[in-house]
PDB file of N, CA and C in Angstrom:
ATOM      1  N   UNK A   1       9.021  15.103  15.171  1.00  0.00           N
ATOM      2  CA  UNK A   1       8.622  14.882  16.487  1.00  0.00           C
ATOM      3  C   UNK A   1       8.250  16.096  16.925  1.00  0.00           C
ATOM      4  N   UNK A   2       7.398  16.684  16.374  1.00  0.00           N
ATOM      5  CA  UNK A   2       6.325  17.978  16.230  1.00  0.00           C
ATOM      6  C   UNK A   2       5.368  17.751  17.646  1.00  0.00           C
ATOM      7  N   UNK A   3       5.278  18.182  18.466  1.00  0.00           N
ATOM      8  CA  UNK A   3       3.798  17.845  19.300  1.00  0.00           C
ATOM      9  C   UNK A   3       4.126  16.332  19.763  1.00  0.00           C
ATOM     10  N   UNK A   4       5.152  15.963  20.106  1.00  0.00           N
ATOM     11  CA  UNK A   4       5.560  14.303  20.775  1.00  0.00           C
ATOM     12  C   UNK A   4       5.400  14.463  21.972  1.00  0.00           C
ATOM     13  N   UNK A   5       4.762  13.718  22.575  1.00  0.00           N
ATOM     14  CA  UNK A   5       5.043  13.356  24.049  1.00  0.00           C
ATOM     15  C   UNK A   5       5.597  12.432  24.492  1.00  0.00           C
ATOM     16  N   UNK A   6       6.479  12.746  25.528  1.00  0.00           N
ATOM     17  CA  UNK A   6       7.298  11.542  25.945  1.00  0.00           C
ATOM     18  C   UNK A   6       7.148  11.154  27.539  1.00  0.00           C
ATOM     19  N   UNK A   7       7.182  10.133  27.828  1.00  0.00           N
ATOM     20  CA  UNK A   7       7.411   9.443  29.227  1.00  0.00           C
ATOM     21  C   UNK A   7       8.306   8.257  28.717  1.00  0.00           C
ATOM     22  N   UNK A   8       9.435   8.746  29.405  1.00  0.00           N
ATOM     23  CA  UNK A   8      10.334   7.702  29.549  1.00  0.00           C
ATOM     24  C   UNK A   8      11.042   7.231  30.778  1.00  0.00           C
ATOM     25  N   UNK A   9      11.202   5.775  31.045  1.00  0.00           N
ATOM     26  CA  UNK A   9      11.994   5.467  32.126  1.00  0.00           C
ATOM     27  C   UNK A   9      13.260   5.098  31.966  1.00  0.00           C
ATOM     28  N   UNK A  10      14.208   5.868  33.120  1.00  0.00           N
ATOM     29  CA  UNK A  10      15.849   5.820  32.504  1.00  0.00           C
ATOM     30  C   UNK A  10      15.975   4.269  33.265  1.00  0.00           C
ATOM     31  N   UNK A  11      17.138   3.699  32.802  1.00  0.00           N
ATOM     32  CA  UNK A  11      17.691   2.387  33.288  1.00  0.00           C
ATOM     33  C   UNK A  11      17.736   2.109  34.603  1.00  0.00           C
ATOM     34  N   UNK A  12      17.954   3.729  35.420  1.00  0.00           N
ATOM     35  CA  UNK A  12      18.043   3.314  37.083  1.00  0.00           C
ATOM     36  C   UNK A  12      16.640   4.245  37.321  1.00  0.00           C
ATOM     37  N   UNK A  13      15.563   3.708  36.600  1.00  0.00           N
ATOM     38  CA  UNK A  13      14.265   3.806  37.296  1.00  0.00           C
ATOM     39  C   UNK A  13      13.453   5.344  37.449  1.00  0.00           C
ATOM     40  N   UNK A  14      14.389   6.168  37.031  1.00  0.00           N
ATOM     41  CA  UNK A  14      14.092   7.679  36.991  1.00  0.00           C
ATOM     42  C   UNK A  14      12.947   7.907  35.821  1.00  0.00           C
ATOM     43  N   UNK A  15      11.952   8.248  36.158  1.00  0.00           N
ATOM     44  CA  UNK A  15      10.877   8.924  35.116  1.00  0.00           C
ATOM     45  C   UNK A  15      11.722  10.061  34.446  1.00  0.00           C
ATOM     46  N   UNK A  16      11.866  10.162  33.024  1.00  0.00           N
ATOM     47  CA  UNK A  16      11.916  11.547  32.317  1.00  0.00           C
ATOM     48  C   UNK A  16      10.702  12.127  32.374  1.00  0.00           C
ATOM     49  N   UNK A  17      10.947  13.310  32.511  1.00  0.00           N
ATOM     50  CA  UNK A  17       9.883  14.444  32.595  1.00  0.00           C
ATOM     51  C   UNK A  17       9.272  14.441  30.636  1.00  0.00           C
ATOM     52  N   UNK A  18       7.716  14.596  31.048  1.00  0.00           N
ATOM     53  CA  UNK A  18       7.224  14.565  29.440  1.00  0.00           C
ATOM     54  C   UNK A  18       7.892  15.996  29.103  1.00  0.00           C
ATOM     55  N   UNK A  19       7.780  15.816  27.828  1.00  0.00           N
ATOM     56  CA  UNK A  19       8.043  16.741  26.732  1.00  0.00           C
ATOM     57  C   UNK A  19       7.343  16.731  24.935  1.00  0.00           C
ATOM     58  N   UNK A  20       7.262  18.299  24.681  1.00  0.00           N
ATOM     59  CA  UNK A  20       6.964  18.646  23.349  1.00  0.00           C
ATOM     60  C   UNK A  20       7.488  19.552  23.080  1.00  0.00           C
ATOM     61  N   UNK A  21       7.795  19.372  21.287  1.00  0.00           N
ATOM     62  CA  UNK A  21       8.242  20.405  20.490  1.00  0.00           C
ATOM     63  C   UNK A  21       6.926  20.994  19.787  1.00  0.00           C
ATOM     64  N   UNK A  22       6.982  22.627  20.232  1.00  0.00           N
ATOM     65  CA  UNK A  22       5.983  23.436  19.299  1.00  0.00           C
ATOM     66  C   UNK A  22       6.457  24.699  18.907  1.00  0.00           C
ATOM     67  N   UNK A  23       6.571  24.804  17.915  1.00  0.00           N
ATOM     68  CA  UNK A  23       7.032  25.781  17.045  1.00  0.00           C
ATOM     69  C   UNK A  23       8.438  25.730  17.119  1.00  0.00           C
ATOM     70  N   UNK A  24       9.304  24.999  17.418  1.00  0.00           N
ATOM     71  CA  UNK A  24      10.627  24.689  17.445  1.00  0.00           C
ATOM     72  C   UNK A  24      11.396  24.680  19.056  1.00  0.00           C
ATOM     73  N   UNK A  25      10.494  25.013  19.730  1.00  0.00           N
ATOM     74  CA  UNK A  25      10.768  25.017  21.330  1.00  0.00           C
ATOM     75  C   UNK A  25      10.285  23.912  21.895  1.00  0.00           C
ATOM     76  N   UNK A  26      11.398  23.661  22.857  1.00  0.00           N
ATOM     77  CA  UNK A  26      11.343  22.131  23.547  1.00  0.00           C
ATOM     78  C   UNK A  26      10.806  22.194  24.490  1.00  0.00           C
ATOM     79  N   UNK A  27       9.694  21.887  25.289  1.00  0.00           N
ATOM     80  CA  UNK A  27       9.121  22.223  26.372  1.00  0.00           C
ATOM     81  C   UNK A  27       8.974  20.874  27.278  1.00  0.00           C
ATOM     82  N   UNK A  28       9.480  20.926  28.712  1.00  0.00           N
ATOM     83  CA  UNK A  28       9.744  19.739  29.669  1.00  0.00           C
ATOM     84  C   UNK A  28       8.564  20.417  30.318  1.00  0.00           C
ATOM     85  N   UNK A  29       8.022  19.421  30.919  1.00  0.00           N
ATOM     86  CA  UNK A  29       6.668  19.523  32.247  1.00  0.00           C
ATOM     87  C   UNK A  29       7.395  19.089  33.633  1.00  0.00           C
ATOM     88  N   UNK A  30       7.002  19.700  34.415  1.00  0.00           N
ATOM     89  CA  UNK A  30       7.243  19.008  36.061  1.00  0.00           C
ATOM     90  C   UNK A  30       6.607  17.406  35.721  1.00  0.00           C
ATOM     91  N   UNK A  31       6.954  16.919  36.954  1.00  0.00           N
ATOM     92  CA  UNK A  31       6.344  15.523  37.371  1.00  0.00           C
ATOM     93  C   UNK A  31       4.462  15.052  37.456  1.00  0.00           C
ATOM     94  N   UNK A  32       4.349  16.607  37.238  1.00  0.00           N
ATOM     95  CA  UNK A  32       2.600  16.729  37.331  1.00  0.00           C
ATOM     96  C   UNK A  32       2.306  16.542  35.902  1.00  0.00           C
ATOM     97  N   UNK A  33       3.120  17.135  34.773  1.00  0.00           N
ATOM     98  CA  UNK A  33       2.577  16.726  33.819  1.00  0.00           C
ATOM     99  C   UNK A  33       2.137  17.973  33.233  1.00  0.00           C
ATOM    100  N   UNK A  34       1.645  19.289  33.687  1.00  0.00           N
ATOM    101  CA  UNK A  34       0.906  19.942  33.384  1.00  0.00           C
ATOM    102  C   UNK A  34       1.857  21.381  33.423  1.00  0.00           C
ATOM    103  N   UNK A  35       2.569  21.519  34.576  1.00  0.00           N
ATOM    104  CA  UNK A  35       3.358  23.248  34.467  1.00  0.00           C
ATOM    105  C   UNK A  35       4.749  22.957  34.016  1.00  0.00           C
ATOM    106  N   UNK A  36       5.169  23.873  33.413  1.00  0.00           N
ATOM    107  CA  UNK A  36       5.972  23.857  32.416  1.00  0.00           C
ATOM    108  C   UNK A  36       7.416  23.906  33.431  1.00  0.00           C
ATOM    109  N   UNK A  37       8.343  23.119  33.065  1.00  0.00           N
ATOM    110  CA  UNK A  37      10.037  23.028  33.691  1.00  0.00           C
ATOM    111  C   UNK A  37      10.972  23.692  32.881  1.00  0.00           C
ATOM    112  N   UNK A  38      10.710  23.551  31.871  1.00  0.00           N
ATOM    113  CA  UNK A  38      11.940  24.162  31.017  1.00  0.00           C
ATOM    114  C   UNK A  38      11.246  24.587  29.456  1.00  0.00           C
ATOM    115  N   UNK A  39      11.848  25.690  29.033  1.00  0.00           N
ATOM    116  CA  UNK A  39      11.510  25.346  27.613  1.00  0.00           C
ATOM    117  C   UNK A  39      12.713  26.608  27.146  1.00  0.00           C
ATOM    118  N   UNK A  40      12.934  26.162  25.882  1.00  0.00           N
ATOM    119  CA  UNK A  40      14.112  26.668  24.731  1.00  0.00           C
ATOM    120  C   UNK A  40      14.233  25.917  23.731  1.00  0.00           C
ATOM    121  N   UNK A  41      15.111  26.519  23.066  1.00  0.00           N
ATOM    122  CA  UNK A  41      15.327  25.643  21.657  1.00  0.00           C
ATOM    123  C   UNK A  41      16.159  24.704  21.781  1.00  0.00           C
ATOM    124  N   UNK A  42      16.344  23.804  21.068  1.00  0.00           N
ATOM    125  CA  UNK A  42      17.725  22.449  20.811  1.00  0.00           C
ATOM    126  C   UNK A  42      17.856  22.420  19.351  1.00  0.00           C
ATOM    127  N   UNK A  43      19.294  22.259  18.766  1.00  0.00           N
ATOM    128  CA  UNK A  43      20.170  22.272  17.777  1.00  0.00           C
ATOM    129  C   UNK A  43      20.831  21.267  17.977  1.00  0.00           C
ATOM    130  N   UNK A  44      20.508  19.992  17.244  1.00  0.00           N
ATOM    131  CA  UNK A  44      21.837  19.315  17.366  1.00  0.00           C
ATOM    132  C   UNK A  44      21.856  18.450  18.766  1.00  0.00           C
ATOM    133  N   UNK A  45      20.672  18.180  19.390  1.00  0.00           N
ATOM    134  CA  UNK A  45      20.389  17.489  20.635  1.00  0.00           C
ATOM    135  C   UNK A  45      21.064  18.532  21.803  1.00  0.00           C
ATOM    136  N   UNK A  46      21.518  19.788  21.529  1.00  0.00           N
ATOM    137  CA  UNK A  46      22.128  20.761  22.534  1.00  0.00           C
ATOM    138  C   UNK A  46      21.196  21.821  22.596  1.00  0.00           C
ATOM    139  N   UNK A  47      20.905  22.361  24.101  1.00  0.00           N
ATOM    140  CA  UNK A  47      20.388  23.701  24.432  1.00  0.00           C
ATOM    141  C   UNK A  47      21.082  24.730  23.500  1.00  0.00           C
ATOM    142  N   UNK A  48      20.230  25.444  22.667  1.00  0.00           N
ATOM    143  CA  UNK A  48      20.701  26.615  22.067  1.00  0.00           C
ATOM    144  C   UNK A  48      20.047  28.052  22.099  1.00  0.00           C
ATOM    145  N   UNK A  49      20.563  29.286  22.257  1.00  0.00           N
ATOM    146  CA  UNK A  49      19.485  30.353  22.403  1.00  0.00           C
ATOM    147  C   UNK A  49      19.298  30.581  23.944  1.00  0.00           C
ATOM    148  N   UNK A  50      18.265  31.122  24.204  1.00  0.00           N
ATOM    149  CA  UNK A  50      17.338  31.598  25.445  1.00  0.00           C
ATOM    150  C   UNK A  50      16.714  30.771  25.931  1.00  0.00           C
ATOM    151  N   UNK A  51      16.848  30.230  27.197  1.00  0.00           N
ATOM    152  CA  UNK A  51      15.968  29.335  27.658  1.00  0.00           C
ATOM    153  C   UNK A  51      15.754  29.651  28.744  1.00  0.00           C
ATOM    154  N   UNK A  52      14.333  29.237  29.635  1.00  0.00           N
ATOM    155  CA  UNK A  52      14.073  29.687  31.037  1.00  0.00           C
ATOM    156  C   UNK A  52      13.453  27.991  31.936  1.00  0.00           C
ATOM    157  N   UNK A  53      13.466  28.413  33.147  1.00  0.00           N
ATOM    158  CA  UNK A  53      13.101  27.326  34.149  1.00  0.00           C
ATOM    159  C   UNK A  53      11.812  27.716  34.964  1.00  0.00           C
ATOM    160  N   UNK A  54      10.700  26.674  35.047  1.00  0.00           N
ATOM    161  CA  UNK A  54      10.106  27.369  36.133  1.00  0.00           C
ATOM    162  C   UNK A  54       9.509  26.471  37.275  1.00  0.00           C
ATOM    163  N   UNK A  55       9.277  26.814  38.429  1.00  0.00           N
ATOM    164  CA  UNK A  55       8.793  26.144  39.496  1.00  0.00           C
ATOM    165  C   UNK A  55       7.641  25.326  39.342  1.00  0.00           C
ATOM    166  N   UNK A  56       7.165  24.352  40.232  1.00  0.00           N
ATOM    167  CA  UNK A  56       6.420  23.625  39.924  1.00  0.00           C
ATOM    168  C   UNK A  56       5.136  24.320  39.959  1.00  0.00           C
ATOM    169  N   UNK A  57       5.051  25.455  40.744  1.00  0.00           N
ATOM    170  CA  UNK A  57       3.742  26.264  40.549  1.00  0.00           C
ATOM    171  C   UNK A  57       3.340  27.271  39.605  1.00  0.00           C
ATOM    172  N   UNK A  58       4.656  27.508  38.461  1.00  0.00           N
ATOM    173  CA  UNK A  58       4.531  28.339  37.600  1.00  0.00           C
ATOM    174  C   UNK A  58       5.338  29.532  37.592  1.00  0.00           C
ATOM    175  N   UNK A  59       5.673  29.519  38.472  1.00  0.00           N
ATOM    176  CA  UNK A  59       6.939  31.408  38.544  1.00  0.00           C
ATOM    177  C   UNK A  59       8.248  30.829  37.913  1.00  0.00           C
ATOM    178  N   UNK A  60       8.672  31.958  37.474  1.00  0.00           N
ATOM    179  CA  UNK A  60       9.967  31.797  36.776  1.00  0.00           C
ATOM    180  C   UNK A  60      11.072  31.792  37.798  1.00  0.00           C
ATOM    181  N   UNK A  61      11.940  30.568  37.717  1.00  0.00           N
ATOM    182  CA  UNK A  61      13.161  30.399  38.525  1.00  0.00           C
ATOM    183  C   UNK A  61      14.319  30.747  38.033  1.00  0.00           C
ATOM    184  N   UNK A  62      14.820  30.524  36.890  1.00  0.00           N
ATOM    185  CA  UNK A  62      16.237  30.689  36.123  1.00  0.00           C
ATOM    186  C   UNK A  62      15.896  31.172  34.621  1.00  0.00           C
ATOM    187  N   UNK A  63      16.980  31.807  34.078  1.00  0.00           N
ATOM    188  CA  UNK A  63      16.895  32.062  32.547  1.00  0.00           C
ATOM    189  C   UNK A  63      18.344  32.126  32.097  1.00  0.00           C
ATOM    190  N   UNK A  64      18.738  32.241  31.413  1.00  0.00           N
ATOM    191  CA  UNK A  64      19.690  32.336  30.597  1.00  0.00           C
ATOM    192  C   UNK A  64      20.218  31.700  29.333  1.00  0.00           C
ATOM    193  N   UNK A  65      21.349  31.843  28.765  1.00  0.00           N
ATOM    194  CA  UNK A  65      21.443  31.269  27.463  1.00  0.00           C
ATOM    195  C   UNK A  65      22.557  30.210  27.248  1.00  0.00           C
ATOM    196  N   UNK A  66      22.597  29.747  25.842  1.00  0.00           N
ATOM    197  CA  UNK A  66      23.120  28.776  25.677  1.00  0.00           C
ATOM    198  C   UNK A  66      23.940  28.775  24.220  1.00  0.00           C
ATOM    199  N   UNK A  67      25.230  28.424  23.879  1.00  0.00           N
ATOM    200  CA  UNK A  67      25.773  28.338  22.462  1.00  0.00           C
ATOM    201  C   UNK A  67      26.217  27.182  22.223  1.00  0.00           C
ATOM    202  N   UNK A  68      25.260  26.373  21.728  1.00  0.00           N
ATOM    203  CA  UNK A  68      25.568  25.048  21.257  1.00  0.00           C
ATOM    204  C   UNK A  68      25.815  24.011  22.425  1.00  0.00           C
ATOM    205  N   UNK A  69      24.867  24.147  23.475  1.00  0.00           N
ATOM    206  CA  UNK A  69      25.041  23.345  24.932  1.00  0.00           C
ATOM    207  C   UNK A  69      25.997  24.125  26.024  1.00  0.00           C
ATOM    208  N   UNK A  70      26.751  25.243  25.945  1.00  0.00           N
ATOM    209  CA  UNK A  70      27.121  25.979  26.704  1.00  0.00           C
ATOM    210  C   UNK A  70      26.403  27.158  27.098  1.00  0.00           C
ATOM    211  N   UNK A  71      26.582  27.212  28.583  1.00  0.00           N
ATOM    212  CA  UNK A  71      26.169  28.467  29.035  1.00  0.00           C
ATOM    213  C   UNK A  71      27.151  29.460  28.626  1.00  0.00           C
ATOM    214  N   UNK A  72      26.394  30.791  28.515  1.00  0.00           N
ATOM    215  CA  UNK A  72      26.989  31.818  28.082  1.00  0.00           C
ATOM    216  C   UNK A  72      26.103  32.936  28.497  1.00  0.00           C
ATOM    217  N   UNK A  73      26.820  34.121  28.759  1.00  0.00           N
ATOM    218  CA  UNK A  73      26.354  35.680  28.758  1.00  0.00           C
ATOM    219  C   UNK A  73      25.567  35.566  30.415  1.00  0.00           C
ATOM    220  N   UNK A  74      24.505  36.399  30.463  1.00  0.00           N
ATOM    221  CA  UNK A  74      23.811  36.770  31.602  1.00  0.00           C
ATOM    222  C   UNK A  74      22.941  35.897  32.083  1.00  0.00           C
ATOM    223  N   UNK A  75      22.866  34.742  33.474  1.00  0.00           N
ATOM    224  CA  UNK A  75      22.120  34.204  33.273  1.00  0.00           C
ATOM    225  C   UNK A  75      21.630  34.907  35.202  1.00  0.00           C
ATOM    226  N   UNK A  76      20.035  34.764  35.117  1.00  0.00           N
ATOM    227  CA  UNK A  76      19.187  35.256  35.869  1.00  0.00           C
ATOM    228  C   UNK A  76      18.754  34.603  36.875  1.00  0.00           C
ATOM    229  N   UNK A  77      18.369  34.296  38.281  1.00  0.00           N
ATOM    230  CA  UNK A  77      17.897  33.540  39.119  1.00  0.00           C
ATOM    231  C   UNK A  77      17.133  34.266  40.017  1.00  0.00           C
ATOM    232  N   UNK A  78      15.529  33.849  39.692  1.00  0.00           N
ATOM    233  CA  UNK A  78      14.121  34.603  40.246  1.00  0.00           C
ATOM    234  C   UNK A  78      14.246  34.159  41.541  1.00  0.00           C
ATOM    235  N   UNK A  79      13.409  35.067  42.989  1.00  0.00           N
ATOM    236  CA  UNK A  79      12.908  34.504  44.173  1.00  0.00           C
ATOM    237  C   UNK A  79      11.664  33.737  43.724  1.00  0.00           C
ATOM    238  N   UNK A  80      10.815  33.256  44.729  1.00  0.00           N
ATOM    239  CA  UNK A  80       9.733  32.445  44.461  1.00  0.00           C
ATOM    240  C   UNK A  80       8.304  33.128  44.115  1.00  0.00           C
ATOM    241  N   UNK A  81       8.805  34.612  44.028  1.00  0.00           N
ATOM    242  CA  UNK A  81       7.593  35.627  43.783  1.00  0.00           C
ATOM    243  C   UNK A  81       7.950  35.942  42.169  1.00  0.00           C
ATOM    244  N   UNK A  82       8.721  35.443  41.407  1.00  0.00           N
ATOM    245  CA  UNK A  82       9.145  35.521  40.071  1.00  0.00           C
ATOM    246  C   UNK A  82      10.185  37.143  40.148  1.00  0.00           C
ATOM    247  N   UNK A  83      10.781  37.617  41.043  1.00  0.00           N
ATOM    248  CA  UNK A  83      11.361  38.740  40.835  1.00  0.00           C
ATOM    249  C   UNK A  83      13.170  38.697  40.790  1.00  0.00           C
ATOM    250  N   UNK A  84      13.522  38.999  39.934  1.00  0.00           N
ATOM    251  CA  UNK A  84      15.182  39.168  40.086  1.00  0.00           C
ATOM    252  C   UNK A  84      16.023  38.727  41.487  1.00  0.00           C
ATOM    253  N   UNK A  85      16.389  37.980  41.699  1.00  0.00           N
ATOM    254  CA  UNK A  85      16.991  37.582  42.694  1.00  0.00           C
ATOM    255  C   UNK A  85      18.842  37.502  42.767  1.00  0.00           C
ATOM    256  N   UNK A  86      19.344  37.139  41.658  1.00  0.00           N
ATOM    257  CA  UNK A  86      20.873  37.322  41.512  1.00  0.00           C
ATOM    258  C   UNK A  86      21.081  37.105  40.088  1.00  0.00           C
ATOM    259  N   UNK A  87      22.006  37.690  39.412  1.00  0.00           N
ATOM    260  CA  UNK A  87      22.174  37.887  38.087  1.00  0.00           C
ATOM    261  C   UNK A  87      23.826  37.745  37.886  1.00  0.00           C
ATOM    262  N   UNK A  88      24.293  36.101  37.212  1.00  0.00           N
ATOM    263  CA  UNK A  88      25.794  36.099  36.892  1.00  0.00           C
ATOM    264  C   UNK A  88      26.197  36.180  35.507  1.00  0.00           C
ATOM    265  N   UNK A  89      27.225  36.214  35.355  1.00  0.00           N
ATOM    266  CA  UNK A  89      27.872  36.385  33.579  1.00  0.00           C
ATOM    267  C   UNK A  89      28.676  35.274  33.294  1.00  0.00           C
ATOM    268  N   UNK A  90      28.312  33.946  32.865  1.00  0.00           N
ATOM    269  CA  UNK A  90      28.863  33.078  32.868  1.00  0.00           C
ATOM    270  C   UNK A  90      30.197  33.352  31.911  1.00  0.00           C
ATOM    271  N   UNK A  91      30.193  34.418  31.188  1.00  0.00           N
ATOM    272  CA  UNK A  91      31.252  34.324  30.449  1.00  0.00           C
ATOM    273  C   UNK A  91      32.580  34.524  31.035  1.00  0.00           C
ATOM    274  N   UNK A  92      32.093  34.989  32.564  1.00  0.00           N
ATOM    275  CA  UNK A  92      33.309  35.593  33.166  1.00  0.00           C
ATOM    276  C   UNK A  92      33.845  34.402  34.223  1.00  0.00           C
ATOM    277  N   UNK A  93      33.072  33.441  34.164  1.00  0.00           N
ATOM    278  CA  UNK A  93      33.494  32.180  35.298  1.00  0.00           C
ATOM    279  C   UNK A  93      34.442  31.242  34.767  1.00  0.00           C
TER     280      UNK A  93
END
């Protein structure tokens, strides 16, 4: 699946985000197909390790860690300028 680009339509008619895998990182793109929506590693079809999500204009929106699909540890939400806005600890929720 290296460098594979996908545009799938779900049965409910919603278009799935374009994605590609580069150096083991799964990268999904916004509907515009140009700016990154999210990036991180997948293991056994589950997010694992550090992940980031971005706004359509490219600023960082959220980041955090997964342990085989489960959110763990510190998660940070960023404001529209990419500055830290809020930090939560998923281990205590």
